[in-house]
Amino acid sequence: MMTKCYDCMEEGKDSEAVAVCIVCGKAVCMDHAKELILPVSVGKPPEVKRLHNALPRIMCEYCFSNTLPDGFCV
């Protein structure tokens, strides 16, 4: 049995989940998943370098829209 998208179930739809929100833990489908790219830096000041490859993180629409303004400077 596959995990179902929580948001789709609330809308009366039946969609398979592809990810889990890193904030609330809710399973989400491709339509409800939002990708947040976190930059990665290495080294010690004053020689800090930003890596080319960032870390992709998945959030649900609710957490994405309610967390970013308060917790991140993007």
PDB file of N, CA and C in Angstrom:
ATOM      1  N   MET A   1       0.842  -1.183   0.000  1.00  0.00           N
ATOM      2  CA  MET A   1       0.000   0.000   0.000  1.00  0.00           C
ATOM      3  C   MET A   1       0.887   1.246   0.000  1.00  0.00           C
ATOM      4  N   MET A   2       0.601   2.173  -0.893  1.00  0.00           N
ATOM      5  CA  MET A   2       1.359   3.422  -1.008  1.00  0.00           C
ATOM      6  C   MET A   2       0.777   4.471  -0.070  1.00  0.00           C
ATOM      7  N   THR A   3       1.647   5.371   0.382  1.00  0.00           N
ATOM      8  CA  THR A   3       1.211   6.485   1.208  1.00  0.00           C
ATOM      9  C   THR A   3       0.468   7.484   0.336  1.00  0.00           C
ATOM     10  N   LYS A   4      -0.592   8.026   0.855  1.00  0.00           N
ATOM     11  CA  LYS A   4      -1.423   8.980   0.120  1.00  0.00           C
ATOM     12  C   LYS A   4      -1.111  10.409   0.566  1.00  0.00           C
ATOM     13  N   CYS A   5      -1.327  11.353  -0.338  1.00  0.00           N
ATOM     14  CA  CYS A   5      -1.119  12.762  -0.046  1.00  0.00           C
ATOM     15  C   CYS A   5      -2.200  13.246   0.921  1.00  0.00           C
ATOM     16  N   TYR A   6      -1.772  13.830   2.019  1.00  0.00           N
ATOM     17  CA  TYR A   6      -2.690  14.325   3.037  1.00  0.00           C
ATOM     18  C   TYR A   6      -3.588  15.437   2.495  1.00  0.00           C
ATOM     19  N   ASP A   7      -2.994  16.401   1.793  1.00  0.00           N
ATOM     20  CA  ASP A   7      -3.773  17.524   1.268  1.00  0.00           C
ATOM     21  C   ASP A   7      -4.796  17.074   0.227  1.00  0.00           C
ATOM     22  N   CYS A   8      -4.426  16.128  -0.626  1.00  0.00           N
ATOM     23  CA  CYS A   8      -5.376  15.604  -1.615  1.00  0.00           C
ATOM     24  C   CYS A   8      -6.539  14.900  -0.927  1.00  0.00           C
ATOM     25  N   MET A   9      -6.245  14.148   0.123  1.00  0.00           N
ATOM     26  CA  MET A   9      -7.310  13.451   0.842  1.00  0.00           C
ATOM     27  C   MET A   9      -8.299  14.449   1.433  1.00  0.00           C
ATOM     28  N   GLU A  10      -7.809  15.596   1.938  1.00  0.00           N
ATOM     29  CA  GLU A  10      -8.705  16.620   2.462  1.00  0.00           C
ATOM     30  C   GLU A  10      -9.571  17.235   1.358  1.00  0.00           C
ATOM     31  N   GLU A  11      -9.063  17.220   0.119  1.00  0.00           N
ATOM     32  CA  GLU A  11      -9.802  17.750  -1.030  1.00  0.00           C
ATOM     33  C   GLU A  11     -10.693  16.690  -1.687  1.00  0.00           C
ATOM     34  N   GLY A  12     -10.684  15.480  -1.170  1.00  0.00           N
ATOM     35  CA  GLY A  12     -11.488  14.405  -1.731  1.00  0.00           C
ATOM     36  C   GLY A  12     -10.844  13.696  -2.905  1.00  0.00           C
ATOM     37  N   LYS A  13      -9.533  13.913  -3.097  1.00  0.00           N
ATOM     38  CA  LYS A  13      -8.796  13.263  -4.186  1.00  0.00           C
ATOM     39  C   LYS A  13      -7.987  12.096  -3.631  1.00  0.00           C
ATOM     40  N   ASP A  14      -7.498  11.260  -4.528  1.00  0.00           N
ATOM     41  CA  ASP A  14      -6.684  10.111  -4.144  1.00  0.00           C
ATOM     42  C   ASP A  14      -5.375  10.152  -4.932  1.00  0.00           C
ATOM     43  N   SER A  15      -4.322  10.710  -4.324  1.00  0.00           N
ATOM     44  CA  SER A  15      -3.016  10.823  -4.984  1.00  0.00           C
ATOM     45  C   SER A  15      -1.936  10.208  -4.117  1.00  0.00           C
ATOM     46  N   GLU A  16      -0.962   9.588  -4.771  1.00  0.00           N
ATOM     47  CA  GLU A  16       0.152   9.015  -4.031  1.00  0.00           C
ATOM     48  C   GLU A  16       1.126  10.105  -3.604  1.00  0.00           C
ATOM     49  N   ALA A  17       1.651   9.980  -2.401  1.00  0.00           N
ATOM     50  CA  ALA A  17       2.635  10.934  -1.894  1.00  0.00           C
ATOM     51  C   ALA A  17       4.005  10.615  -2.481  1.00  0.00           C
ATOM     52  N   VAL A  18       4.799  11.665  -2.681  1.00  0.00           N
ATOM     53  CA  VAL A  18       6.163  11.500  -3.199  1.00  0.00           C
ATOM     54  C   VAL A  18       7.207  12.009  -2.212  1.00  0.00           C
ATOM     55  N   ALA A  19       6.750  12.725  -1.168  1.00  0.00           N
ATOM     56  CA  ALA A  19       7.685  13.306  -0.203  1.00  0.00           C
ATOM     57  C   ALA A  19       6.977  13.526   1.122  1.00  0.00           C
ATOM     58  N   VAL A  20       7.790  13.857   2.130  1.00  0.00           N
ATOM     59  CA  VAL A  20       7.279  14.176   3.461  1.00  0.00           C
ATOM     60  C   VAL A  20       7.783  15.561   3.830  1.00  0.00           C
ATOM     61  N   CYS A  21       6.912  16.410   4.334  1.00  0.00           N
ATOM     62  CA  CYS A  21       7.286  17.767   4.733  1.00  0.00           C
ATOM     63  C   CYS A  21       8.296  17.696   5.886  1.00  0.00           C
ATOM     64  N   ILE A  22       9.405  18.454   5.766  1.00  0.00           N
ATOM     65  CA  ILE A  22      10.439  18.427   6.804  1.00  0.00           C
ATOM     66  C   ILE A  22      10.013  19.164   8.075  1.00  0.00           C
ATOM     67  N   VAL A  23       8.923  19.927   8.017  1.00  0.00           N
ATOM     68  CA  VAL A  23       8.472  20.675   9.191  1.00  0.00           C
ATOM     69  C   VAL A  23       7.389  19.902   9.952  1.00  0.00           C
ATOM     70  N   CYS A  24       6.299  19.564   9.273  1.00  0.00           N
ATOM     71  CA  CYS A  24       5.165  18.936   9.968  1.00  0.00           C
ATOM     72  C   CYS A  24       5.086  17.421   9.797  1.00  0.00           C
ATOM     73  N   GLY A  25       5.813  16.865   8.819  1.00  0.00           N
ATOM     74  CA  GLY A  25       5.817  15.416   8.617  1.00  0.00           C
ATOM     75  C   GLY A  25       4.669  14.892   7.775  1.00  0.00           C
ATOM     76  N   LYS A  26       3.901  15.782   7.179  1.00  0.00           N
ATOM     77  CA  LYS A  26       2.761  15.391   6.355  1.00  0.00           C
ATOM     78  C   LYS A  26       3.249  14.864   5.006  1.00  0.00           C
ATOM     79  N   ALA A  27       2.666  13.774   4.522  1.00  0.00           N
ATOM     80  CA  ALA A  27       2.984  13.231   3.202  1.00  0.00           C
ATOM     81  C   ALA A  27       2.291  14.073   2.140  1.00  0.00           C
ATOM     82  N   VAL A  28       3.026  14.408   1.070  1.00  0.00           N
ATOM     83  CA  VAL A  28       2.483  15.265   0.013  1.00  0.00           C
ATOM     84  C   VAL A  28       2.814  14.712  -1.371  1.00  0.00           C
ATOM     85  N   CYS A  29       1.941  15.051  -2.345  1.00  0.00           N
ATOM     86  CA  CYS A  29       2.159  14.666  -3.737  1.00  0.00           C
ATOM     87  C   CYS A  29       2.966  15.754  -4.437  1.00  0.00           C
ATOM     88  N   MET A  30       3.265  15.565  -5.710  1.00  0.00           N
ATOM     89  CA  MET A  30       4.029  16.548  -6.482  1.00  0.00           C
ATOM     90  C   MET A  30       3.308  17.895  -6.569  1.00  0.00           C
ATOM     91  N   ASP A  31       1.982  17.881  -6.621  1.00  0.00           N
ATOM     92  CA  ASP A  31       1.225  19.133  -6.722  1.00  0.00           C
ATOM     93  C   ASP A  31       1.273  19.948  -5.433  1.00  0.00           C
ATOM     94  N   HIS A  32       1.389  19.291  -4.295  1.00  0.00           N
ATOM     95  CA  HIS A  32       1.374  19.987  -3.006  1.00  0.00           C
ATOM     96  C   HIS A  32       2.768  20.168  -2.400  1.00  0.00           C
ATOM     97  N   ALA A  33       3.788  19.594  -2.981  1.00  0.00           N
ATOM     98  CA  ALA A  33       5.147  19.715  -2.456  1.00  0.00           C
ATOM     99  C   ALA A  33       5.808  20.989  -2.958  1.00  0.00           C
ATOM    100  N   LYS A  34       6.531  21.662  -2.075  1.00  0.00           N
ATOM    101  CA  LYS A  34       7.309  22.850  -2.419  1.00  0.00           C
ATOM    102  C   LYS A  34       8.761  22.566  -2.078  1.00  0.00           C
ATOM    103  N   GLU A  35       9.651  22.898  -3.011  1.00  0.00           N
ATOM    104  CA  GLU A  35      11.080  22.642  -2.797  1.00  0.00           C
ATOM    105  C   GLU A  35      11.765  23.912  -2.298  1.00  0.00           C
ATOM    106  N   LEU A  36      12.481  23.767  -1.205  1.00  0.00           N
ATOM    107  CA  LEU A  36      13.256  24.856  -0.642  1.00  0.00           C
ATOM    108  C   LEU A  36      14.726  24.479  -0.802  1.00  0.00           C
ATOM    109  N   ILE A  37      15.482  25.332  -1.468  1.00  0.00           N
ATOM    110  CA  ILE A  37      16.898  25.072  -1.684  1.00  0.00           C
ATOM    111  C   ILE A  37      17.694  25.815  -0.612  1.00  0.00           C
ATOM    112  N   LEU A  38      18.409  25.073   0.213  1.00  0.00           N
ATOM    113  CA  LEU A  38      19.227  25.672   1.264  1.00  0.00           C
ATOM    114  C   LEU A  38      20.674  25.729   0.816  1.00  0.00           C
ATOM    115  N   PRO A  39      21.275  26.916   0.780  1.00  0.00           N
ATOM    116  CA  PRO A  39      22.686  27.013   0.402  1.00  0.00           C
ATOM    117  C   PRO A  39      23.571  26.376   1.472  1.00  0.00           C
ATOM    118  N   VAL A  40      24.702  25.828   1.047  1.00  0.00           N
ATOM    119  CA  VAL A  40      25.636  25.183   1.962  1.00  0.00           C
ATOM    120  C   VAL A  40      26.967  25.909   1.889  1.00  0.00           C
ATOM    121  N   SER A  41      27.478  26.278   3.055  1.00  0.00           N
ATOM    122  CA  SER A  41      28.784  26.926   3.139  1.00  0.00           C
ATOM    123  C   SER A  41      29.729  26.057   3.940  1.00  0.00           C
ATOM    124  N   VAL A  42      31.005  26.081   3.569  1.00  0.00           N
ATOM    125  CA  VAL A  42      32.023  25.322   4.291  1.00  0.00           C
ATOM    126  C   VAL A  42      33.201  26.242   4.611  1.00  0.00           C
ATOM    127  N   GLY A  43      33.948  25.877   5.614  1.00  0.00           N
ATOM    128  CA  GLY A  43      35.124  26.651   5.986  1.00  0.00           C
ATOM    129  C   GLY A  43      34.873  27.506   7.204  1.00  0.00           C
ATOM    130  N   LYS A  44      35.932  28.182   7.631  1.00  0.00           N
ATOM    131  CA  LYS A  44      35.862  29.062   8.785  1.00  0.00           C
ATOM    132  C   LYS A  44      36.160  30.486   8.337  1.00  0.00           C
ATOM    133  N   PRO A  45      35.497  31.455   8.943  1.00  0.00           N
ATOM    134  CA  PRO A  45      35.780  32.849   8.576  1.00  0.00           C
ATOM    135  C   PRO A  45      37.260  33.157   8.770  1.00  0.00           C
ATOM    136  N   PRO A  46      37.861  33.872   7.907  1.00  0.00           N
ATOM    137  CA  PRO A  46      37.270  34.635   6.798  1.00  0.00           C
ATOM    138  C   PRO A  46      37.238  33.850   5.494  1.00  0.00           C
ATOM    139  N   GLU A  47      37.554  32.577   5.504  1.00  0.00           N
ATOM    140  CA  GLU A  47      37.625  31.775   4.275  1.00  0.00           C
ATOM    141  C   GLU A  47      36.421  30.839   4.147  1.00  0.00           C
ATOM    142  N   VAL A  48      35.247  31.395   4.087  1.00  0.00           N
ATOM    143  CA  VAL A  48      34.024  30.621   3.932  1.00  0.00           C
ATOM    144  C   VAL A  48      33.663  30.581   2.452  1.00  0.00           C
ATOM    145  N   LYS A  49      33.381  29.381   1.962  1.00  0.00           N
ATOM    146  CA  LYS A  49      33.000  29.209   0.561  1.00  0.00           C
ATOM    147  C   LYS A  49      31.601  28.614   0.482  1.00  0.00           C
ATOM    148  N   ARG A  50      30.815  29.100  -0.452  1.00  0.00           N
ATOM    149  CA  ARG A  50      29.493  28.540  -0.696  1.00  0.00           C
ATOM    150  C   ARG A  50      29.632  27.462  -1.757  1.00  0.00           C
ATOM    151  N   LEU A  51      29.124  26.276  -1.481  1.00  0.00           N
ATOM    152  CA  LEU A  51      29.190  25.166  -2.432  1.00  0.00           C
ATOM    153  C   LEU A  51      28.208  25.390  -3.576  1.00  0.00           C
ATOM    154  N   HIS A  52      28.536  24.850  -4.740  1.00  0.00           N
ATOM    155  CA  HIS A  52      27.675  24.984  -5.918  1.00  0.00           C
ATOM    156  C   HIS A  52      26.377  24.208  -5.742  1.00  0.00           C
ATOM    157  N   ASN A  53      26.455  23.040  -5.119  1.00  0.00           N
ATOM    158  CA  ASN A  53      25.267  22.212  -4.934  1.00  0.00           C
ATOM    159  C   ASN A  53      24.621  22.512  -3.589  1.00  0.00           C
ATOM    160  N   ALA A  54      23.403  23.007  -3.617  1.00  0.00           N
ATOM    161  CA  ALA A  54      22.655  23.292  -2.403  1.00  0.00           C
ATOM    162  C   ALA A  54      21.906  22.038  -1.960  1.00  0.00           C
ATOM    163  N   LEU A  55      21.291  22.112  -0.787  1.00  0.00           N
ATOM    164  CA  LEU A  55      20.522  20.991  -0.259  1.00  0.00           C
ATOM    165  C   LEU A  55      19.035  21.208  -0.528  1.00  0.00           C
ATOM    166  N   PRO A  56      18.421  20.362  -1.351  1.00  0.00           N
ATOM    167  CA  PRO A  56      16.979  20.508  -1.572  1.00  0.00           C
ATOM    168  C   PRO A  56      16.213  19.946  -0.367  1.00  0.00           C
ATOM    169  N   ARG A  57      15.215  20.668   0.079  1.00  0.00           N
ATOM    170  CA  ARG A  57      14.356  20.236   1.170  1.00  0.00           C
ATOM    171  C   ARG A  57      12.917  20.408   0.724  1.00  0.00           C
ATOM    172  N   ILE A  58      12.047  19.472   1.117  1.00  0.00           N
ATOM    173  CA  ILE A  58      10.651  19.490   0.687  1.00  0.00           C
ATOM    174  C   ILE A  58       9.763  19.917   1.854  1.00  0.00           C
ATOM    175  N   MET A  59       8.834  20.824   1.544  1.00  0.00           N
ATOM    176  CA  MET A  59       7.855  21.284   2.530  1.00  0.00           C
ATOM    177  C   MET A  59       6.465  21.230   1.904  1.00  0.00           C
ATOM    178  N   CYS A  60       5.450  21.116   2.759  1.00  0.00           N
ATOM    179  CA  CYS A  60       4.081  21.208   2.256  1.00  0.00           C
ATOM    180  C   CYS A  60       3.780  22.684   1.996  1.00  0.00           C
ATOM    181  N   GLU A  61       2.709  22.967   1.268  1.00  0.00           N
ATOM    182  CA  GLU A  61       2.365  24.347   0.928  1.00  0.00           C
ATOM    183  C   GLU A  61       2.155  25.200   2.178  1.00  0.00           C
ATOM    184  N   TYR A  62       1.475  24.643   3.189  1.00  0.00           N
ATOM    185  CA  TYR A  62       1.185  25.394   4.408  1.00  0.00           C
ATOM    186  C   TYR A  62       2.474  25.786   5.131  1.00  0.00           C
ATOM    187  N   CYS A  63       3.347  24.840   5.372  1.00  0.00           N
ATOM    188  CA  CYS A  63       4.593  25.133   6.085  1.00  0.00           C
ATOM    189  C   CYS A  63       5.492  26.056   5.273  1.00  0.00           C
ATOM    190  N   PHE A  64       5.525  25.860   3.960  1.00  0.00           N
ATOM    191  CA  PHE A  64       6.344  26.702   3.094  1.00  0.00           C
ATOM    192  C   PHE A  64       5.908  28.162   3.183  1.00  0.00           C
ATOM    193  N   SER A  65       4.615  28.397   3.104  1.00  0.00           N
ATOM    194  CA  SER A  65       4.126  29.778   3.106  1.00  0.00           C
ATOM    195  C   SER A  65       4.129  30.405   4.496  1.00  0.00           C
ATOM    196  N   ASN A  66       4.092  29.601   5.554  1.00  0.00           N
ATOM    197  CA  ASN A  66       4.046  30.146   6.908  1.00  0.00           C
ATOM    198  C   ASN A  66       5.386  30.132   7.636  1.00  0.00           C
ATOM    199  N   THR A  67       6.361  29.424   7.129  1.00  0.00           N
ATOM    200  CA  THR A  67       7.657  29.339   7.793  1.00  0.00           C
ATOM    201  C   THR A  67       8.652  30.316   7.211  1.00  0.00           C
ATOM    202  N   LEU A  68       8.698  30.450   5.913  1.00  0.00           N
ATOM    203  CA  LEU A  68       9.718  31.278   5.271  1.00  0.00           C
ATOM    204  C   LEU A  68       9.766  32.719   5.749  1.00  0.00           C
ATOM    205  N   PRO A  69       8.652  33.428   5.839  1.00  0.00           N
ATOM    206  CA  PRO A  69       8.762  34.821   6.267  1.00  0.00           C
ATOM    207  C   PRO A  69       9.317  34.971   7.675  1.00  0.00           C
ATOM    208  N   ASP A  70       9.044  34.012   8.541  1.00  0.00           N
ATOM    209  CA  ASP A  70       9.445  34.131   9.935  1.00  0.00           C
ATOM    210  C   ASP A  70      10.837  33.580  10.216  1.00  0.00           C
ATOM    211  N   GLY A  71      11.246  32.526   9.503  1.00  0.00           N
ATOM    212  CA  GLY A  71      12.450  31.846   9.907  1.00  0.00           C
ATOM    213  C   GLY A  71      13.644  31.922   8.974  1.00  0.00           C
ATOM    214  N   PHE A  72      13.466  32.404   7.752  1.00  0.00           N
ATOM    215  CA  PHE A  72      14.562  32.380   6.791  1.00  0.00           C
ATOM    216  C   PHE A  72      14.731  33.728   6.121  1.00  0.00           C
ATOM    217  N   CYS A  73      15.929  33.995   5.734  1.00  0.00           N
ATOM    218  CA  CYS A  73      16.224  35.161   4.883  1.00  0.00           C
ATOM    219  C   CYS A  73      16.587  34.614   3.520  1.00  0.00           C
ATOM    220  N   VAL A  74      15.647  34.628   2.600  1.00  0.00           N
ATOM    221  CA  VAL A  74      15.870  34.053   1.276  1.00  0.00           C
ATOM    222  C   VAL A  74      15.994  35.158   0.261  1.00  0.00           C
TER     223      VAL A  74
END
